[in-house]
Amino acid sequence: MSTEQLREEILGSNGFARWLWKEKQKEKLSGKKLSGKTLAARAQARIQGELGEVNCANVNEYLCKLLDVEYEIYLELEREIIEGAVEAFLTADKQLQNKYYPELQQLFAELQQQLAAGSEPRELLIAVSKRLAQFYKLLVESFAQSRKTRAGGSAQYHVEFILNQLGYRGFYERQRKLNGTVDFLFPSLKMWQQDRRRCTVLSIKRTLRERYKQVFQELSTTKGLTMYLMTTQPKEAAEKDITTEKVNVISQQNVYLVVRDEIKQERFLDTPSVLGFTDFFCKELPRLKPNWESTAT
């Protein structure tokens, strides 16, 4: 078995992992096709049933739980897909197997022959598990990459949900292109074209790492206006990623960093350029909103 060929068949552009996910997307989830948006809606329904309506007393807990619970839901689906991967391949169209997955086809054909040979069960189990180890390792690797790709877009659905619950529907637009694309533009592209000094931009990243430099490129589009950069990572991940050095660089670029309340309170309590979720939604946005009032639709 060629390891490199197997890797390409599982992780490549036409890879088996991508095919598995597409097959799962064909299934129905609460009457809708499986997508990032429906996963977010499922998490929102669960947390709304637990916490009720969003308000300034629970907004931080609400957003944190939305982010964390949706991740749990995604992991559940991921586990289901991986557990059913062998069956999915064996029942897949033979032409599909021949065209894109000859190495996998050979692997499973050999395993079926080995099982049919009727060896001693213990030895057979050991032999089969060894042959499948690389297959499952590559599948897990593929899904780990997918988690990173989807997390930023997922957070946008939850921020939109929070904004609507707090009364900001009609005061923002999503994914607006201002040379570069911004996640949230307050209040509208129309106002941006008329008087951008009255506008606000929010960018959302799963982690900082080097991604905060992308915000500086977006900032050049705003020509000096204040921006807000929200990072959704939990405290444990933030301890290594959100450094004082990065916070200082971000602040010098006229950008406020928005983090979970516990990160603000435990590490950046005396840093004005770092805001907790609660302060952002319940102090900053109300302060800015009067600039947008006349443009709301």
C-alpha atoms as a PDB file:
ATOM      1  CA  MET A   1       0.000   0.000   0.000  1.00  0.00           C
ATOM      2  CA  SER A   2       1.421   3.383  -1.026  1.00  0.00           C
ATOM      3  CA  THR A   3       1.156   5.801   1.908  1.00  0.00           C
ATOM      4  CA  GLU A   4       1.444   8.868  -0.313  1.00  0.00           C
ATOM      5  CA  GLN A   5      -1.195   7.619  -2.710  1.00  0.00           C
ATOM      6  CA  LEU A   6      -3.484   6.780   0.192  1.00  0.00           C
ATOM      7  CA  ARG A   7      -2.962  10.279   1.601  1.00  0.00           C
ATOM      8  CA  GLU A   8      -3.884  11.840  -1.734  1.00  0.00           C
ATOM      9  CA  GLU A   9      -6.987   9.662  -2.062  1.00  0.00           C
ATOM     10  CA  ILE A  10      -8.215  10.672   1.401  1.00  0.00           C
ATOM     11  CA  LEU A  11      -7.008  14.289   1.721  1.00  0.00           C
ATOM     12  CA  GLY A  12      -6.851  15.471  -1.890  1.00  0.00           C
ATOM     13  CA  SER A  13      -9.219  17.792  -3.741  1.00  0.00           C
ATOM     14  CA  ASN A  14     -11.376  14.791  -4.706  1.00  0.00           C
ATOM     15  CA  GLY A  15     -10.520  13.024  -1.486  1.00  0.00           C
ATOM     16  CA  PHE A  16     -12.586  10.402   0.265  1.00  0.00           C
ATOM     17  CA  ALA A  17     -12.896  12.583   3.379  1.00  0.00           C
ATOM     18  CA  ARG A  18     -14.504  15.369   1.346  1.00  0.00           C
ATOM     19  CA  TRP A  19     -16.806  12.855  -0.342  1.00  0.00           C
ATOM     20  CA  LEU A  20     -17.892  11.514   3.062  1.00  0.00           C
ATOM     21  CA  TRP A  21     -18.816  14.994   4.243  1.00  0.00           C
ATOM     22  CA  LYS A  22     -20.773  15.711   1.055  1.00  0.00           C
ATOM     23  CA  GLU A  23     -22.675  12.467   1.528  1.00  0.00           C
ATOM     24  CA  LYS A  24     -23.517  13.541   5.079  1.00  0.00           C
ATOM     25  CA  GLN A  25     -24.678  16.916   3.772  1.00  0.00           C
ATOM     26  CA  LYS A  26     -27.288  15.119   1.681  1.00  0.00           C
ATOM     27  CA  GLU A  27     -28.932  13.916   4.870  1.00  0.00           C
ATOM     28  CA  LYS A  28     -31.511  16.052   6.601  1.00  0.00           C
ATOM     29  CA  LEU A  29     -31.004  17.768   9.929  1.00  0.00           C
ATOM     30  CA  SER A  30     -34.209  19.218  11.437  1.00  0.00           C
ATOM     31  CA  GLY A  31     -35.720  19.361   7.949  1.00  0.00           C
ATOM     32  CA  LYS A  32     -32.776  21.271   6.440  1.00  0.00           C
ATOM     33  CA  LYS A  33     -29.658  20.256   4.613  1.00  0.00           C
ATOM     34  CA  LEU A  34     -26.610  19.911   6.816  1.00  0.00           C
ATOM     35  CA  SER A  35     -24.489  23.067   6.672  1.00  0.00           C
ATOM     36  CA  GLY A  36     -22.576  25.415   8.944  1.00  0.00           C
ATOM     37  CA  LYS A  37     -25.684  27.550   9.227  1.00  0.00           C
ATOM     38  CA  THR A  38     -27.927  24.684  10.309  1.00  0.00           C
ATOM     39  CA  LEU A  39     -25.331  23.474  12.807  1.00  0.00           C
ATOM     40  CA  ALA A  40     -25.255  26.994  14.263  1.00  0.00           C
ATOM     41  CA  ALA A  41     -29.057  27.088  14.399  1.00  0.00           C
ATOM     42  CA  ARG A  42     -29.094  23.768  16.220  1.00  0.00           C
ATOM     43  CA  ALA A  43     -26.700  25.126  18.855  1.00  0.00           C
ATOM     44  CA  GLN A  44     -28.753  28.326  19.159  1.00  0.00           C
ATOM     45  CA  ALA A  45     -31.963  26.384  19.769  1.00  0.00           C
ATOM     46  CA  ARG A  46     -30.260  24.304  22.446  1.00  0.00           C
ATOM     47  CA  ILE A  47     -28.782  27.272  24.306  1.00  0.00           C
ATOM     48  CA  GLN A  48     -31.901  29.395  23.958  1.00  0.00           C
ATOM     49  CA  GLY A  49     -33.830  26.587  25.601  1.00  0.00           C
ATOM     50  CA  GLU A  50     -31.326  26.627  28.440  1.00  0.00           C
ATOM     51  CA  LEU A  51     -30.728  30.366  28.934  1.00  0.00           C
ATOM     52  CA  GLY A  52     -33.810  32.011  27.441  1.00  0.00           C
ATOM     53  CA  GLU A  53     -33.411  35.397  25.769  1.00  0.00           C
ATOM     54  CA  VAL A  54     -30.090  37.164  25.371  1.00  0.00           C
ATOM     55  CA  ASN A  55     -29.448  40.131  27.668  1.00  0.00           C
ATOM     56  CA  CYS A  56     -26.472  41.991  29.060  1.00  0.00           C
ATOM     57  CA  ALA A  57     -26.388  39.787  32.150  1.00  0.00           C
ATOM     58  CA  ASN A  58     -25.846  36.608  30.115  1.00  0.00           C
ATOM     59  CA  VAL A  59     -24.418  37.729  26.769  1.00  0.00           C
ATOM     60  CA  ASN A  60     -20.900  36.465  27.499  1.00  0.00           C
ATOM     61  CA  GLU A  61     -22.126  33.087  28.754  1.00  0.00           C
ATOM     62  CA  TYR A  62     -24.506  32.889  25.797  1.00  0.00           C
ATOM     63  CA  LEU A  63     -21.894  33.465  23.108  1.00  0.00           C
ATOM     64  CA  CYS A  64     -19.331  31.200  24.789  1.00  0.00           C
ATOM     65  CA  LYS A  65     -21.858  28.387  25.047  1.00  0.00           C
ATOM     66  CA  LEU A  66     -22.983  28.836  21.451  1.00  0.00           C
ATOM     67  CA  LEU A  67     -19.404  28.514  20.258  1.00  0.00           C
ATOM     68  CA  ASP A  68     -18.594  25.562  22.494  1.00  0.00           C
ATOM     69  CA  VAL A  69     -21.844  23.631  22.022  1.00  0.00           C
ATOM     70  CA  GLU A  70     -21.737  23.910  18.249  1.00  0.00           C
ATOM     71  CA  TYR A  71     -18.212  22.542  18.356  1.00  0.00           C
ATOM     72  CA  GLU A  72     -19.516  19.584  20.376  1.00  0.00           C
ATOM     73  CA  ILE A  73     -22.304  19.020  17.843  1.00  0.00           C
ATOM     74  CA  TYR A  74     -19.778  19.106  15.017  1.00  0.00           C
ATOM     75  CA  LEU A  75     -17.567  16.576  16.807  1.00  0.00           C
ATOM     76  CA  GLU A  76     -20.577  14.284  17.239  1.00  0.00           C
ATOM     77  CA  LEU A  77     -21.270  14.426  13.502  1.00  0.00           C
ATOM     78  CA  GLU A  78     -17.599  13.940  12.745  1.00  0.00           C
ATOM     79  CA  ARG A  79     -17.511  10.838  14.921  1.00  0.00           C
ATOM     80  CA  GLU A  80     -20.591   9.429  13.157  1.00  0.00           C
ATOM     81  CA  ILE A  81     -18.978   9.991   9.764  1.00  0.00           C
ATOM     82  CA  ILE A  82     -15.689   8.356  10.757  1.00  0.00           C
ATOM     83  CA  GLU A  83     -17.429   5.396  12.387  1.00  0.00           C
ATOM     84  CA  GLY A  84     -19.395   4.796   9.191  1.00  0.00           C
ATOM     85  CA  ALA A  85     -16.506   5.432   6.802  1.00  0.00           C
ATOM     86  CA  VAL A  86     -15.753   1.804   5.938  1.00  0.00           C
ATOM     87  CA  GLU A  87     -19.398   0.970   5.293  1.00  0.00           C
ATOM     88  CA  ALA A  88     -19.787   4.138   3.200  1.00  0.00           C
ATOM     89  CA  PHE A  89     -16.859   3.144   1.009  1.00  0.00           C
ATOM     90  CA  LEU A  90     -17.970  -0.449   0.561  1.00  0.00           C
ATOM     91  CA  THR A  91     -21.459   0.639  -0.525  1.00  0.00           C
ATOM     92  CA  ALA A  92     -20.225   3.480  -2.762  1.00  0.00           C
ATOM     93  CA  ASP A  93     -20.576   3.361  -6.533  1.00  0.00           C
ATOM     94  CA  LYS A  94     -17.896   1.114  -8.075  1.00  0.00           C
ATOM     95  CA  GLN A  95     -17.148   3.610 -10.816  1.00  0.00           C
ATOM     96  CA  LEU A  96     -16.432   6.241  -8.144  1.00  0.00           C
ATOM     97  CA  GLN A  97     -14.092   3.812  -6.390  1.00  0.00           C
ATOM     98  CA  ASN A  98     -12.270   2.979  -9.611  1.00  0.00           C
ATOM     99  CA  LYS A  99     -11.883   6.592 -10.690  1.00  0.00           C
ATOM    100  CA  TYR A 100     -10.785   8.286  -7.492  1.00  0.00           C
ATOM    101  CA  TYR A 101      -9.877   5.655  -4.886  1.00  0.00           C
ATOM    102  CA  PRO A 102      -8.015   2.670  -6.421  1.00  0.00           C
ATOM    103  CA  GLU A 103      -5.650   2.404  -3.449  1.00  0.00           C
ATOM    104  CA  LEU A 104      -8.541   2.310  -1.000  1.00  0.00           C
ATOM    105  CA  GLN A 105     -10.361  -0.137  -3.232  1.00  0.00           C
ATOM    106  CA  GLN A 106      -7.349  -2.457  -3.156  1.00  0.00           C
ATOM    107  CA  LEU A 107      -6.955  -2.077   0.619  1.00  0.00           C
ATOM    108  CA  PHE A 108     -10.539  -3.094   1.361  1.00  0.00           C
ATOM    109  CA  ALA A 109     -10.496  -5.899  -1.207  1.00  0.00           C
ATOM    110  CA  GLU A 110      -7.432  -7.392   0.485  1.00  0.00           C
ATOM    111  CA  LEU A 111      -9.006  -7.019   3.915  1.00  0.00           C
ATOM    112  CA  GLN A 112     -12.166  -8.794   2.785  1.00  0.00           C
ATOM    113  CA  GLN A 113     -10.081 -11.620   1.350  1.00  0.00           C
ATOM    114  CA  GLN A 114      -8.167 -11.848   4.629  1.00  0.00           C
ATOM    115  CA  LEU A 115     -11.419 -12.047   6.594  1.00  0.00           C
ATOM    116  CA  ALA A 116     -12.786 -14.699   4.256  1.00  0.00           C
ATOM    117  CA  ALA A 117      -9.669 -16.825   4.794  1.00  0.00           C
ATOM    118  CA  GLY A 118     -10.923 -17.556   8.313  1.00  0.00           C
ATOM    119  CA  SER A 119      -7.769 -17.044  10.371  1.00  0.00           C
ATOM    120  CA  GLU A 120      -7.767 -17.278  14.152  1.00  0.00           C
ATOM    121  CA  PRO A 121      -9.997 -14.386  15.378  1.00  0.00           C
ATOM    122  CA  ARG A 122      -7.422 -12.734  17.655  1.00  0.00           C
ATOM    123  CA  GLU A 123      -4.707 -12.715  14.981  1.00  0.00           C
ATOM    124  CA  LEU A 124      -7.199 -11.568  12.368  1.00  0.00           C
ATOM    125  CA  LEU A 125      -8.349  -8.647  14.516  1.00  0.00           C
ATOM    126  CA  ILE A 126      -4.755  -7.534  15.064  1.00  0.00           C
ATOM    127  CA  ALA A 127      -3.922  -7.786  11.375  1.00  0.00           C
ATOM    128  CA  VAL A 128      -7.005  -5.856  10.228  1.00  0.00           C
ATOM    129  CA  SER A 129      -6.522  -3.102  12.824  1.00  0.00           C
ATOM    130  CA  LYS A 130      -2.939  -2.585  11.670  1.00  0.00           C
ATOM    131  CA  ARG A 131      -4.015  -2.303   8.043  1.00  0.00           C
ATOM    132  CA  LEU A 132      -6.739   0.244   8.927  1.00  0.00           C
ATOM    133  CA  ALA A 133      -4.609   2.377  11.258  1.00  0.00           C
ATOM    134  CA  GLN A 134      -3.270   4.673   8.525  1.00  0.00           C
ATOM    135  CA  PHE A 135      -6.732   4.961   6.945  1.00  0.00           C
ATOM    136  CA  TYR A 136      -8.267   6.267  10.177  1.00  0.00           C
ATOM    137  CA  LYS A 137      -5.257   8.456  10.950  1.00  0.00           C
ATOM    138  CA  LEU A 138      -5.636  10.277   7.639  1.00  0.00           C
ATOM    139  CA  LEU A 139      -9.394  10.635   8.072  1.00  0.00           C
ATOM    140  CA  VAL A 140      -8.924  12.229  11.498  1.00  0.00           C
ATOM    141  CA  GLU A 141      -6.260  14.548  10.060  1.00  0.00           C
ATOM    142  CA  SER A 142      -8.643  15.673   7.325  1.00  0.00           C
ATOM    143  CA  PHE A 143     -11.445  16.459   9.751  1.00  0.00           C
ATOM    144  CA  ALA A 144      -9.052  18.362  12.015  1.00  0.00           C
ATOM    145  CA  GLN A 145      -8.217  20.625   9.068  1.00  0.00           C
ATOM    146  CA  SER A 146     -11.918  21.101   8.341  1.00  0.00           C
ATOM    147  CA  ARG A 147     -12.584  22.226  11.909  1.00  0.00           C
ATOM    148  CA  LYS A 148     -10.076  25.054  11.538  1.00  0.00           C
ATOM    149  CA  THR A 149     -11.541  26.120   8.197  1.00  0.00           C
ATOM    150  CA  ARG A 150     -15.143  26.312   9.369  1.00  0.00           C
ATOM    151  CA  ALA A 151     -14.728  27.826  12.829  1.00  0.00           C
ATOM    152  CA  GLY A 152     -14.505  31.478  11.753  1.00  0.00           C
ATOM    153  CA  GLY A 153     -17.638  31.337   9.605  1.00  0.00           C
ATOM    154  CA  SER A 154     -19.473  29.506  12.353  1.00  0.00           C
ATOM    155  CA  ALA A 155     -18.757  32.292  14.847  1.00  0.00           C
ATOM    156  CA  GLN A 156     -20.289  34.844  12.488  1.00  0.00           C
ATOM    157  CA  TYR A 157     -23.667  33.091  12.657  1.00  0.00           C
ATOM    158  CA  HIS A 158     -23.579  33.263  16.451  1.00  0.00           C
ATOM    159  CA  VAL A 159     -22.562  36.923  16.570  1.00  0.00           C
ATOM    160  CA  GLU A 160     -25.389  37.685  14.153  1.00  0.00           C
ATOM    161  CA  PHE A 161     -27.795  35.800  16.453  1.00  0.00           C
ATOM    162  CA  ILE A 162     -26.609  37.815  19.473  1.00  0.00           C
ATOM    163  CA  LEU A 163     -26.893  41.111  17.593  1.00  0.00           C
ATOM    164  CA  ASN A 164     -30.446  40.344  16.521  1.00  0.00           C
ATOM    165  CA  GLN A 165     -31.433  39.295  20.034  1.00  0.00           C
ATOM    166  CA  LEU A 166     -30.052  42.564  21.417  1.00  0.00           C
ATOM    167  CA  GLY A 167     -31.974  44.710  18.952  1.00  0.00           C
ATOM    168  CA  TYR A 168     -29.374  45.419  16.259  1.00  0.00           C
ATOM    169  CA  ARG A 169     -31.225  43.858  13.349  1.00  0.00           C
ATOM    170  CA  GLY A 170     -31.126  46.391  10.516  1.00  0.00           C
ATOM    171  CA  PHE A 171     -28.035  48.112  11.934  1.00  0.00           C
ATOM    172  CA  TYR A 172     -25.412  45.929  10.250  1.00  0.00           C
ATOM    173  CA  GLU A 173     -24.561  44.073   7.058  1.00  0.00           C
ATOM    174  CA  ARG A 174     -22.495  40.917   6.767  1.00  0.00           C
ATOM    175  CA  GLN A 175     -19.655  40.065   4.396  1.00  0.00           C
ATOM    176  CA  ARG A 176     -19.419  43.449   2.751  1.00  0.00           C
ATOM    177  CA  LYS A 177     -16.644  44.044   0.262  1.00  0.00           C
ATOM    178  CA  LEU A 178     -14.760  47.279   0.929  1.00  0.00           C
ATOM    179  CA  ASN A 179     -11.840  46.440  -1.346  1.00  0.00           C
ATOM    180  CA  GLY A 180     -11.289  43.621   1.166  1.00  0.00           C
ATOM    181  CA  THR A 181     -14.255  41.738   2.642  1.00  0.00           C
ATOM    182  CA  VAL A 182     -15.234  42.541   6.236  1.00  0.00           C
ATOM    183  CA  ASP A 183     -17.322  40.260   8.457  1.00  0.00           C
ATOM    184  CA  PHE A 184     -19.673  42.923   9.851  1.00  0.00           C
ATOM    185  CA  LEU A 185     -20.176  46.488   8.673  1.00  0.00           C
ATOM    186  CA  PHE A 186     -22.251  48.809  10.880  1.00  0.00           C
ATOM    187  CA  PRO A 187     -24.690  50.168   9.821  1.00  0.00           C
ATOM    188  CA  SER A 188     -24.638  49.691   6.031  1.00  0.00           C
ATOM    189  CA  LEU A 189     -22.728  49.928   2.798  1.00  0.00           C
ATOM    190  CA  LYS A 190     -24.914  52.882   1.874  1.00  0.00           C
ATOM    191  CA  MET A 191     -23.682  54.850   4.894  1.00  0.00           C
ATOM    192  CA  TRP A 192     -20.144  53.726   4.147  1.00  0.00           C
ATOM    193  CA  GLN A 193     -20.423  55.312   0.723  1.00  0.00           C
ATOM    194  CA  GLN A 194     -21.954  58.499   2.165  1.00  0.00           C
ATOM    195  CA  ASP A 195     -19.939  59.044   5.344  1.00  0.00           C
ATOM    196  CA  ARG A 196     -17.645  56.244   6.454  1.00  0.00           C
ATOM    197  CA  ARG A 197     -16.713  58.151   9.622  1.00  0.00           C
ATOM    198  CA  ARG A 198     -20.059  57.014  11.043  1.00  0.00           C
ATOM    199  CA  CYS A 199     -19.363  53.349  10.315  1.00  0.00           C
ATOM    200  CA  THR A 200     -17.817  50.559  12.371  1.00  0.00           C
ATOM    201  CA  VAL A 201     -16.167  47.334  11.252  1.00  0.00           C
ATOM    202  CA  LEU A 202     -16.002  44.037  13.162  1.00  0.00           C
ATOM    203  CA  SER A 203     -13.698  41.222  12.078  1.00  0.00           C
ATOM    204  CA  ILE A 204     -13.921  37.742  13.642  1.00  0.00           C
ATOM    205  CA  LYS A 205     -11.084  35.223  13.863  1.00  0.00           C
ATOM    206  CA  ARG A 206     -10.949  31.851  15.548  1.00  0.00           C
ATOM    207  CA  THR A 207      -7.432  32.571  16.819  1.00  0.00           C
ATOM    208  CA  LEU A 208      -4.945  35.387  16.491  1.00  0.00           C
ATOM    209  CA  ARG A 209      -1.726  33.645  15.465  1.00  0.00           C
ATOM    210  CA  GLU A 210      -0.775  35.550  12.333  1.00  0.00           C
ATOM    211  CA  ARG A 211      -4.378  36.252  11.336  1.00  0.00           C
ATOM    212  CA  TYR A 212      -4.511  39.573  13.134  1.00  0.00           C
ATOM    213  CA  LYS A 213      -2.239  40.947  10.396  1.00  0.00           C
ATOM    214  CA  GLN A 214      -5.078  40.368   7.944  1.00  0.00           C
ATOM    215  CA  VAL A 215      -7.115  42.861   9.945  1.00  0.00           C
ATOM    216  CA  PHE A 216      -4.480  45.508   9.327  1.00  0.00           C
ATOM    217  CA  GLN A 217      -5.040  44.996   5.611  1.00  0.00           C
ATOM    218  CA  GLU A 218      -8.769  45.432   6.177  1.00  0.00           C
ATOM    219  CA  LEU A 219      -8.008  48.496   8.271  1.00  0.00           C
ATOM    220  CA  SER A 220      -6.227  50.148   5.358  1.00  0.00           C
ATOM    221  CA  THR A 221      -9.582  49.980   3.575  1.00  0.00           C
ATOM    222  CA  THR A 222     -11.268  51.908   6.388  1.00  0.00           C
ATOM    223  CA  LYS A 223      -8.698  54.718   6.174  1.00  0.00           C
ATOM    224  CA  GLY A 224      -7.996  54.979   9.869  1.00  0.00           C
ATOM    225  CA  LEU A 225     -11.385  54.234  11.393  1.00  0.00           C
ATOM    226  CA  THR A 226     -11.501  52.232  14.600  1.00  0.00           C
ATOM    227  CA  MET A 227     -12.052  48.523  14.103  1.00  0.00           C
ATOM    228  CA  TYR A 228     -12.942  45.672  16.414  1.00  0.00           C
ATOM    229  CA  LEU A 229     -11.238  42.293  16.152  1.00  0.00           C
ATOM    230  CA  MET A 230     -13.038  39.475  17.947  1.00  0.00           C
ATOM    231  CA  THR A 231     -11.253  36.221  18.717  1.00  0.00           C
ATOM    232  CA  THR A 232     -13.469  33.355  19.839  1.00  0.00           C
ATOM    233  CA  GLN A 233     -10.934  30.956  21.329  1.00  0.00           C
ATOM    234  CA  PRO A 234     -11.379  29.713  24.923  1.00  0.00           C
ATOM    235  CA  LYS A 235      -9.076  30.723  27.764  1.00  0.00           C
ATOM    236  CA  GLU A 236      -6.751  27.712  27.527  1.00  0.00           C
ATOM    237  CA  ALA A 237      -5.947  28.359  23.859  1.00  0.00           C
ATOM    238  CA  ALA A 238      -5.684  32.112  24.416  1.00  0.00           C
ATOM    239  CA  GLU A 239      -3.021  31.795  27.098  1.00  0.00           C
ATOM    240  CA  LYS A 240      -0.361  31.045  24.497  1.00  0.00           C
ATOM    241  CA  ASP A 241      -1.890  32.833  21.531  1.00  0.00           C
ATOM    242  CA  ILE A 242      -2.966  36.230  22.902  1.00  0.00           C
ATOM    243  CA  THR A 243       0.302  37.719  24.047  1.00  0.00           C
ATOM    244  CA  THR A 244       0.956  41.191  25.433  1.00  0.00           C
ATOM    245  CA  GLU A 245       3.117  41.871  22.393  1.00  0.00           C
ATOM    246  CA  LYS A 246       0.272  41.091  19.982  1.00  0.00           C
ATOM    247  CA  VAL A 247      -2.166  43.177  22.020  1.00  0.00           C
ATOM    248  CA  ASN A 248       0.204  46.153  21.856  1.00  0.00           C
ATOM    249  CA  VAL A 249       0.663  45.808  18.096  1.00  0.00           C
ATOM    250  CA  ILE A 250      -3.097  45.564  17.593  1.00  0.00           C
ATOM    251  CA  SER A 251      -3.741  48.598  19.797  1.00  0.00           C
ATOM    252  CA  GLN A 252      -1.201  50.686  17.877  1.00  0.00           C
ATOM    253  CA  GLN A 253      -3.200  49.993  14.716  1.00  0.00           C
ATOM    254  CA  ASN A 254      -6.335  51.562  16.220  1.00  0.00           C
ATOM    255  CA  VAL A 255      -7.960  48.157  16.703  1.00  0.00           C
ATOM    256  CA  TYR A 256      -9.841  46.956  19.786  1.00  0.00           C
ATOM    257  CA  LEU A 257      -9.431  43.291  20.619  1.00  0.00           C
ATOM    258  CA  VAL A 258     -12.646  41.572  21.787  1.00  0.00           C
ATOM    259  CA  VAL A 259     -12.289  38.392  23.864  1.00  0.00           C
ATOM    260  CA  ARG A 260     -14.239  36.208  26.267  1.00  0.00           C
ATOM    261  CA  ASP A 261     -14.912  37.966  29.577  1.00  0.00           C
ATOM    262  CA  GLU A 262     -12.719  35.612  31.595  1.00  0.00           C
ATOM    263  CA  ILE A 263      -9.716  36.405  29.390  1.00  0.00           C
ATOM    264  CA  LYS A 264     -10.326  40.128  29.822  1.00  0.00           C
ATOM    265  CA  GLN A 265     -10.781  39.883  33.584  1.00  0.00           C
ATOM    266  CA  GLU A 266      -7.891  37.540  34.309  1.00  0.00           C
ATOM    267  CA  ARG A 267      -5.234  38.901  31.957  1.00  0.00           C
ATOM    268  CA  PHE A 268      -6.171  42.298  30.528  1.00  0.00           C
ATOM    269  CA  LEU A 269      -8.286  43.958  33.190  1.00  0.00           C
ATOM    270  CA  ASP A 270      -6.280  47.207  33.001  1.00  0.00           C
ATOM    271  CA  THR A 271      -5.840  47.192  29.210  1.00  0.00           C
ATOM    272  CA  PRO A 272      -8.395  49.563  27.640  1.00  0.00           C
ATOM    273  CA  SER A 273      -7.812  48.247  24.113  1.00  0.00           C
ATOM    274  CA  VAL A 274      -9.002  44.764  25.137  1.00  0.00           C
ATOM    275  CA  LEU A 275     -12.755  44.363  25.622  1.00  0.00           C
ATOM    276  CA  GLY A 276     -14.742  41.446  26.973  1.00  0.00           C
ATOM    277  CA  PHE A 277     -17.774  40.163  25.091  1.00  0.00           C
ATOM    278  CA  THR A 278     -20.120  41.864  27.563  1.00  0.00           C
ATOM    279  CA  ASP A 279     -18.491  45.278  27.240  1.00  0.00           C
ATOM    280  CA  PHE A 280     -18.452  45.047  23.463  1.00  0.00           C
ATOM    281  CA  PHE A 281     -22.136  44.184  23.084  1.00  0.00           C
ATOM    282  CA  CYS A 282     -23.471  46.198  26.023  1.00  0.00           C
ATOM    283  CA  LYS A 283     -21.206  49.263  26.197  1.00  0.00           C
ATOM    284  CA  GLU A 284     -19.396  49.771  22.900  1.00  0.00           C
ATOM    285  CA  LEU A 285     -22.258  49.074  20.515  1.00  0.00           C
ATOM    286  CA  PRO A 286     -24.777  51.226  22.480  1.00  0.00           C
ATOM    287  CA  ARG A 287     -22.198  54.038  22.455  1.00  0.00           C
ATOM    288  CA  LEU A 288     -21.790  53.771  18.680  1.00  0.00           C
ATOM    289  CA  LYS A 289     -25.425  53.147  17.804  1.00  0.00           C
ATOM    290  CA  PRO A 290     -26.569  56.826  17.787  1.00  0.00           C
ATOM    291  CA  ASN A 291     -24.307  57.343  14.757  1.00  0.00           C
ATOM    292  CA  TRP A 292     -26.302  54.707  12.888  1.00  0.00           C
ATOM    293  CA  GLU A 293     -29.871  55.537  13.937  1.00  0.00           C
ATOM    294  CA  SER A 294     -30.842  57.616  10.939  1.00  0.00           C
ATOM    295  CA  THR A 295     -29.711  54.926   8.492  1.00  0.00           C
ATOM    296  CA  ALA A 296     -31.563  51.948   9.935  1.00  0.00           C
ATOM    297  CA  THR A 297     -34.069  50.339   7.592  1.00  0.00           C
END
